[in-house]
Structures are given as structure tokens and as C-alpha cells.
Amino acid sequence: MTPANKKCTFCGSMNTEKQSDFGTSIMVTPHFCLDCKSAFEWIKWGESDSHLDLPEYLKESNSKKN
């Protein structure tokens, strides 16, 4: 897994690829899940997003990197 990999917002898989640095706006990056074949955008929150109302599986991945 590279630092660009993000957890899929549809299935929770880490088997994802970043498609480019910018998506539909400057604050998101487009990604593609290789497991469920879904495209999703990841919002660039910065280093600390623990105060956000994220789904539990995303909170778990963020707590492991801190």
C-alpha cells in the first residue's frame, strides 16, 4: 500500500488507486477501488481529521496512522 491509497467509501477495501491529484474540485482527489470497481472522491482534510463525523471504518484507519 502506498500513502496515496485510501479506504474505499463503498466497500472499505484498501485496494485502491489514486487517479489524479485533483477531482471535481481542488479539495478532492479521485480514487478507484480495484475490489468493488467503484470510483470515489477523497476530501483532502489535512493531517488531523479526528474531529470529523466519519464512518467507523474510516475512523479506525485514521487512528492506526497516528
PDB file of N, CA and C in Angstrom:
ATOM      1  N   MET A   1       0.842  -1.190   0.000  1.00  0.00           N
ATOM      2  CA  MET A   1       0.000   0.000   0.000  1.00  0.00           C
ATOM      3  C   MET A   1       0.879   1.242   0.000  1.00  0.00           C
ATOM      4  N   THR A   2       0.552   2.187  -0.842  1.00  0.00           N
ATOM      5  CA  THR A   2       1.276   3.451  -0.881  1.00  0.00           C
ATOM      6  C   THR A   2       0.513   4.493  -0.070  1.00  0.00           C
ATOM      7  N   PRO A   3       1.156   5.583   0.296  1.00  0.00           N
ATOM      8  CA  PRO A   3       0.441   6.617   1.053  1.00  0.00           C
ATOM      9  C   PRO A   3      -0.772   7.179   0.327  1.00  0.00           C
ATOM     10  N   ALA A   4      -0.829   7.030  -0.997  1.00  0.00           N
ATOM     11  CA  ALA A   4      -1.956   7.552  -1.769  1.00  0.00           C
ATOM     12  C   ALA A   4      -3.203   6.677  -1.626  1.00  0.00           C
ATOM     13  N   ASN A   5      -3.038   5.418  -1.182  1.00  0.00           N
ATOM     14  CA  ASN A   5      -4.189   4.534  -1.042  1.00  0.00           C
ATOM     15  C   ASN A   5      -5.119   5.033   0.060  1.00  0.00           C
ATOM     16  N   LYS A   6      -6.396   5.076  -0.250  1.00  0.00           N
ATOM     17  CA  LYS A   6      -7.420   5.453   0.716  1.00  0.00           C
ATOM     18  C   LYS A   6      -8.433   4.333   0.803  1.00  0.00           C
ATOM     19  N   LYS A   7      -9.115   4.248   1.925  1.00  0.00           N
ATOM     20  CA  LYS A   7     -10.123   3.210   2.114  1.00  0.00           C
ATOM     21  C   LYS A   7     -11.348   3.526   1.270  1.00  0.00           C
ATOM     22  N   CYS A   8     -11.820   2.530   0.522  1.00  0.00           N
ATOM     23  CA  CYS A   8     -12.988   2.706  -0.344  1.00  0.00           C
ATOM     24  C   CYS A   8     -14.202   3.096   0.500  1.00  0.00           C
ATOM     25  N   THR A   9     -14.896   4.109   0.071  1.00  0.00           N
ATOM     26  CA  THR A   9     -16.073   4.581   0.805  1.00  0.00           C
ATOM     27  C   THR A   9     -17.287   3.690   0.573  1.00  0.00           C
ATOM     28  N   PHE A  10     -17.199   2.753  -0.368  1.00  0.00           N
ATOM     29  CA  PHE A  10     -18.302   1.844  -0.646  1.00  0.00           C
ATOM     30  C   PHE A  10     -18.134   0.494   0.051  1.00  0.00           C
ATOM     31  N   CYS A  11     -16.937  -0.122  -0.060  1.00  0.00           N
ATOM     32  CA  CYS A  11     -16.757  -1.469   0.488  1.00  0.00           C
ATOM     33  C   CYS A  11     -15.730  -1.533   1.621  1.00  0.00           C
ATOM     34  N   GLY A  12     -14.966  -0.462   1.857  1.00  0.00           N
ATOM     35  CA  GLY A  12     -13.981  -0.449   2.940  1.00  0.00           C
ATOM     36  C   GLY A  12     -12.636  -1.034   2.570  1.00  0.00           C
ATOM     37  N   SER A  13     -12.439  -1.460   1.342  1.00  0.00           N
ATOM     38  CA  SER A  13     -11.177  -2.054   0.899  1.00  0.00           C
ATOM     39  C   SER A  13     -10.078  -1.002   0.822  1.00  0.00           C
ATOM     40  N   MET A  14      -8.842  -1.429   1.078  1.00  0.00           N
ATOM     41  CA  MET A  14      -7.679  -0.556   0.896  1.00  0.00           C
ATOM     42  C   MET A  14      -7.030  -0.790  -0.465  1.00  0.00           C
ATOM     43  N   ASN A  15      -7.596  -1.676  -1.273  1.00  0.00           N
ATOM     44  CA  ASN A  15      -7.070  -1.990  -2.596  1.00  0.00           C
ATOM     45  C   ASN A  15      -7.570  -0.935  -3.583  1.00  0.00           C
ATOM     46  N   THR A  16      -7.041   0.279  -3.445  1.00  0.00           N
ATOM     47  CA  THR A  16      -7.494   1.416  -4.243  1.00  0.00           C
ATOM     48  C   THR A  16      -6.310   2.093  -4.912  1.00  0.00           C
ATOM     49  N   GLU A  17      -6.608   2.874  -5.916  1.00  0.00           N
ATOM     50  CA  GLU A  17      -5.594   3.648  -6.616  1.00  0.00           C
ATOM     51  C   GLU A  17      -6.039   5.104  -6.722  1.00  0.00           C
ATOM     52  N   LYS A  18      -5.104   6.006  -6.516  1.00  0.00           N
ATOM     53  CA  LYS A  18      -5.387   7.424  -6.739  1.00  0.00           C
ATOM     54  C   LYS A  18      -5.320   7.685  -8.232  1.00  0.00           C
ATOM     55  N   GLN A  19      -6.343   8.334  -8.784  1.00  0.00           N
ATOM     56  CA  GLN A  19      -6.417   8.580 -10.210  1.00  0.00           C
ATOM     57  C   GLN A  19      -5.692   9.860 -10.630  1.00  0.00           C
ATOM     58  N   SER A  20      -5.758  10.893  -9.804  1.00  0.00           N
ATOM     59  CA  SER A  20      -5.052  12.145 -10.083  1.00  0.00           C
ATOM     60  C   SER A  20      -5.008  12.985  -8.808  1.00  0.00           C
ATOM     61  N   ASP A  21      -4.328  14.112  -8.882  1.00  0.00           N
ATOM     62  CA  ASP A  21      -4.203  14.963  -7.698  1.00  0.00           C
ATOM     63  C   ASP A  21      -5.438  15.810  -7.423  1.00  0.00           C
ATOM     64  N   PHE A  22      -6.253  16.057  -8.455  1.00  0.00           N
ATOM     65  CA  PHE A  22      -7.433  16.896  -8.284  1.00  0.00           C
ATOM     66  C   PHE A  22      -8.628  16.260  -8.973  1.00  0.00           C
ATOM     67  N   GLY A  23      -9.808  16.398  -8.360  1.00  0.00           N
ATOM     68  CA  GLY A  23     -11.038  15.848  -8.908  1.00  0.00           C
ATOM     69  C   GLY A  23     -11.975  16.930  -9.376  1.00  0.00           C
ATOM     70  N   THR A  24     -13.244  16.832  -8.974  1.00  0.00           N
ATOM     71  CA  THR A  24     -14.247  17.805  -9.395  1.00  0.00           C
ATOM     72  C   THR A  24     -14.026  19.173  -8.773  1.00  0.00           C
ATOM     73  N   SER A  25     -13.208  19.222  -7.730  1.00  0.00           N
ATOM     74  CA  SER A  25     -12.795  20.499  -7.149  1.00  0.00           C
ATOM     75  C   SER A  25     -11.370  20.352  -6.642  1.00  0.00           C
ATOM     76  N   ILE A  26     -10.759  21.435  -6.267  1.00  0.00           N
ATOM     77  CA  ILE A  26      -9.369  21.416  -5.829  1.00  0.00           C
ATOM     78  C   ILE A  26      -9.194  20.703  -4.480  1.00  0.00           C
ATOM     79  N   MET A  27     -10.287  20.531  -3.741  1.00  0.00           N
ATOM     80  CA  MET A  27     -10.182  19.931  -2.409  1.00  0.00           C
ATOM     81  C   MET A  27     -10.389  18.418  -2.370  1.00  0.00           C
ATOM     82  N   VAL A  28     -10.553  17.759  -3.521  1.00  0.00           N
ATOM     83  CA  VAL A  28     -10.747  16.310  -3.542  1.00  0.00           C
ATOM     84  C   VAL A  28      -9.762  15.635  -4.494  1.00  0.00           C
ATOM     85  N   THR A  29      -9.495  14.360  -4.225  1.00  0.00           N
ATOM     86  CA  THR A  29      -8.701  13.534  -5.131  1.00  0.00           C
ATOM     87  C   THR A  29      -9.549  12.341  -5.560  1.00  0.00           C
ATOM     88  N   PRO A  30      -9.602  12.050  -6.856  1.00  0.00           N
ATOM     89  CA  PRO A  30     -10.370  10.897  -7.322  1.00  0.00           C
ATOM     90  C   PRO A  30      -9.591   9.599  -7.115  1.00  0.00           C
ATOM     91  N   HIS A  31     -10.287   8.574  -6.654  1.00  0.00           N
ATOM     92  CA  HIS A  31      -9.704   7.253  -6.424  1.00  0.00           C
ATOM     93  C   HIS A  31     -10.603   6.203  -7.064  1.00  0.00           C
ATOM     94  N   PHE A  32     -10.038   4.999  -7.266  1.00  0.00           N
ATOM     95  CA  PHE A  32     -10.789   3.886  -7.834  1.00  0.00           C
ATOM     96  C   PHE A  32     -10.520   2.643  -7.012  1.00  0.00           C
ATOM     97  N   CYS A  33     -11.584   1.933  -6.619  1.00  0.00           N
ATOM     98  CA  CYS A  33     -11.460   0.701  -5.843  1.00  0.00           C
ATOM     99  C   CYS A  33     -11.307  -0.474  -6.807  1.00  0.00           C
ATOM    100  N   LEU A  34     -10.231  -1.222  -6.645  1.00  0.00           N
ATOM    101  CA  LEU A  34      -9.965  -2.371  -7.509  1.00  0.00           C
ATOM    102  C   LEU A  34     -10.784  -3.594  -7.110  1.00  0.00           C
ATOM    103  N   ASP A  35     -11.374  -3.583  -5.904  1.00  0.00           N
ATOM    104  CA  ASP A  35     -12.190  -4.711  -5.459  1.00  0.00           C
ATOM    105  C   ASP A  35     -13.644  -4.581  -5.908  1.00  0.00           C
ATOM    106  N   CYS A  36     -14.303  -3.472  -5.581  1.00  0.00           N
ATOM    107  CA  CYS A  36     -15.721  -3.322  -5.945  1.00  0.00           C
ATOM    108  C   CYS A  36     -15.915  -2.510  -7.226  1.00  0.00           C
ATOM    109  N   LYS A  37     -14.802  -2.069  -7.819  1.00  0.00           N
ATOM    110  CA  LYS A  37     -14.830  -1.341  -9.106  1.00  0.00           C
ATOM    111  C   LYS A  37     -15.624  -0.043  -9.038  1.00  0.00           C
ATOM    112  N   SER A  38     -15.537   0.644  -7.901  1.00  0.00           N
ATOM    113  CA  SER A  38     -16.245   1.912  -7.725  1.00  0.00           C
ATOM    114  C   SER A  38     -15.263   3.081  -7.748  1.00  0.00           C
ATOM    115  N   ALA A  39     -15.688   4.163  -8.336  1.00  0.00           N
ATOM    116  CA  ALA A  39     -14.922   5.406  -8.302  1.00  0.00           C
ATOM    117  C   ALA A  39     -15.444   6.233  -7.135  1.00  0.00           C
ATOM    118  N   PHE A  40     -14.539   6.888  -6.413  1.00  0.00           N
ATOM    119  CA  PHE A  40     -14.948   7.751  -5.303  1.00  0.00           C
ATOM    120  C   PHE A  40     -13.948   8.888  -5.165  1.00  0.00           C
ATOM    121  N   GLU A  41     -14.386   9.958  -4.527  1.00  0.00           N
ATOM    122  CA  GLU A  41     -13.511  11.099  -4.282  1.00  0.00           C
ATOM    123  C   GLU A  41     -13.182  11.160  -2.798  1.00  0.00           C
ATOM    124  N   TRP A  42     -11.940  11.479  -2.507  1.00  0.00           N
ATOM    125  CA  TRP A  42     -11.478  11.606  -1.133  1.00  0.00           C
ATOM    126  C   TRP A  42     -11.215  13.077  -0.856  1.00  0.00           C
ATOM    127  N   ILE A  43     -11.840  13.619   0.169  1.00  0.00           N
ATOM    128  CA  ILE A  43     -11.657  15.026   0.510  1.00  0.00           C
ATOM    129  C   ILE A  43     -10.337  15.201   1.241  1.00  0.00           C
ATOM    130  N   LYS A  44      -9.581  16.193   0.849  1.00  0.00           N
ATOM    131  CA  LYS A  44      -8.282  16.477   1.468  1.00  0.00           C
ATOM    132  C   LYS A  44      -8.515  17.236   2.775  1.00  0.00           C
ATOM    133  N   TRP A  45      -8.570  16.511   3.885  1.00  0.00           N
ATOM    134  CA  TRP A  45      -8.855  17.138   5.172  1.00  0.00           C
ATOM    135  C   TRP A  45      -7.615  17.717   5.821  1.00  0.00           C
ATOM    136  N   GLY A  46      -6.459  17.264   5.471  1.00  0.00           N
ATOM    137  CA  GLY A  46      -5.243  17.673   6.150  1.00  0.00           C
ATOM    138  C   GLY A  46      -4.756  16.553   7.047  1.00  0.00           C
ATOM    139  N   GLU A  47      -3.885  16.861   7.959  1.00  0.00           N
ATOM    140  CA  GLU A  47      -3.266  15.841   8.805  1.00  0.00           C
ATOM    141  C   GLU A  47      -4.197  15.291   9.868  1.00  0.00           C
ATOM    142  N   SER A  48      -5.032  16.122  10.458  1.00  0.00           N
ATOM    143  CA  SER A  48      -5.878  15.657  11.553  1.00  0.00           C
ATOM    144  C   SER A  48      -7.352  15.781  11.185  1.00  0.00           C
ATOM    145  N   ASP A  49      -8.027  14.630  11.054  1.00  0.00           N
ATOM    146  CA  ASP A  49      -9.456  14.660  10.767  1.00  0.00           C
ATOM    147  C   ASP A  49     -10.232  13.900  11.831  1.00  0.00           C
ATOM    148  N   SER A  50      -9.665  13.779  13.035  1.00  0.00           N
ATOM    149  CA  SER A  50     -10.312  13.032  14.111  1.00  0.00           C
ATOM    150  C   SER A  50     -11.584  13.712  14.612  1.00  0.00           C
ATOM    151  N   HIS A  51     -11.730  15.014  14.396  1.00  0.00           N
ATOM    152  CA  HIS A  51     -12.911  15.745  14.855  1.00  0.00           C
ATOM    153  C   HIS A  51     -14.091  15.643  13.887  1.00  0.00           C
ATOM    154  N   LEU A  52     -13.889  14.999  12.729  1.00  0.00           N
ATOM    155  CA  LEU A  52     -14.944  14.912  11.731  1.00  0.00           C
ATOM    156  C   LEU A  52     -15.887  13.754  12.012  1.00  0.00           C
ATOM    157  N   ASP A  53     -17.095  13.852  11.506  1.00  0.00           N
ATOM    158  CA  ASP A  53     -18.101  12.808  11.673  1.00  0.00           C
ATOM    159  C   ASP A  53     -17.951  11.778  10.549  1.00  0.00           C
ATOM    160  N   LEU A  54     -16.918  10.916  10.673  1.00  0.00           N
ATOM    161  CA  LEU A  54     -16.622   9.916   9.668  1.00  0.00           C
ATOM    162  C   LEU A  54     -17.245   8.576  10.033  1.00  0.00           C
ATOM    163  N   PRO A  55     -17.494   7.697   9.039  1.00  0.00           N
ATOM    164  CA  PRO A  55     -17.950   6.340   9.354  1.00  0.00           C
ATOM    165  C   PRO A  55     -16.905   5.621  10.210  1.00  0.00           C
ATOM    166  N   GLU A  56     -17.333   4.643  10.995  1.00  0.00           N
ATOM    167  CA  GLU A  56     -16.445   3.956  11.932  1.00  0.00           C
ATOM    168  C   GLU A  56     -15.232   3.333  11.248  1.00  0.00           C
ATOM    169  N   TYR A  57     -15.422   2.717  10.070  1.00  0.00           N
ATOM    170  CA  TYR A  57     -14.271   2.064   9.431  1.00  0.00           C
ATOM    171  C   TYR A  57     -13.230   3.078   8.959  1.00  0.00           C
ATOM    172  N   LEU A  58     -13.623   4.300   8.698  1.00  0.00           N
ATOM    173  CA  LEU A  58     -12.648   5.328   8.339  1.00  0.00           C
ATOM    174  C   LEU A  58     -11.953   5.867   9.582  1.00  0.00           C
ATOM    175  N   LYS A  59     -12.666   5.960  10.700  1.00  0.00           N
ATOM    176  CA  LYS A  59     -12.051   6.394  11.956  1.00  0.00           C
ATOM    177  C   LYS A  59     -10.970   5.413  12.383  1.00  0.00           C
ATOM    178  N   GLU A  60     -11.227   4.109  12.203  1.00  0.00           N
ATOM    179  CA  GLU A  60     -10.258   3.085  12.594  1.00  0.00           C
ATOM    180  C   GLU A  60      -8.965   3.214  11.808  1.00  0.00           C
ATOM    181  N   SER A  61      -9.058   3.460  10.517  1.00  0.00           N
ATOM    182  CA  SER A  61      -7.846   3.581   9.706  1.00  0.00           C
ATOM    183  C   SER A  61      -7.065   4.838  10.079  1.00  0.00           C
ATOM    184  N   ASN A  62      -7.759   5.911  10.453  1.00  0.00           N
ATOM    185  CA  ASN A  62      -7.079   7.138  10.838  1.00  0.00           C
ATOM    186  C   ASN A  62      -6.385   6.989  12.185  1.00  0.00           C
ATOM    187  N   SER A  63      -6.972   6.245  13.115  1.00  0.00           N
ATOM    188  CA  SER A  63      -6.350   6.086  14.422  1.00  0.00           C
ATOM    189  C   SER A  63      -5.103   5.219  14.335  1.00  0.00           C
ATOM    190  N   LYS A  64      -5.015   4.318  13.362  1.00  0.00           N
ATOM    191  CA  LYS A  64      -3.848   3.460  13.201  1.00  0.00           C
ATOM    192  C   LYS A  64      -2.646   4.229  12.671  1.00  0.00           C
ATOM    193  N   LYS A  65      -2.872   5.300  11.889  1.00  0.00           N
ATOM    194  CA  LYS A  65      -1.748   6.055  11.337  1.00  0.00           C
ATOM    195  C   LYS A  65      -1.190   7.089  12.314  1.00  0.00           C
ATOM    196  N   ASN A  66      -1.922   7.389  13.390  1.00  0.00           N
ATOM    197  CA  ASN A  66      -1.447   8.389  14.363  1.00  0.00           C
ATOM    198  C   ASN A  66      -0.599   7.773  15.417  1.00  0.00           C
TER     199      ASN A  66
END
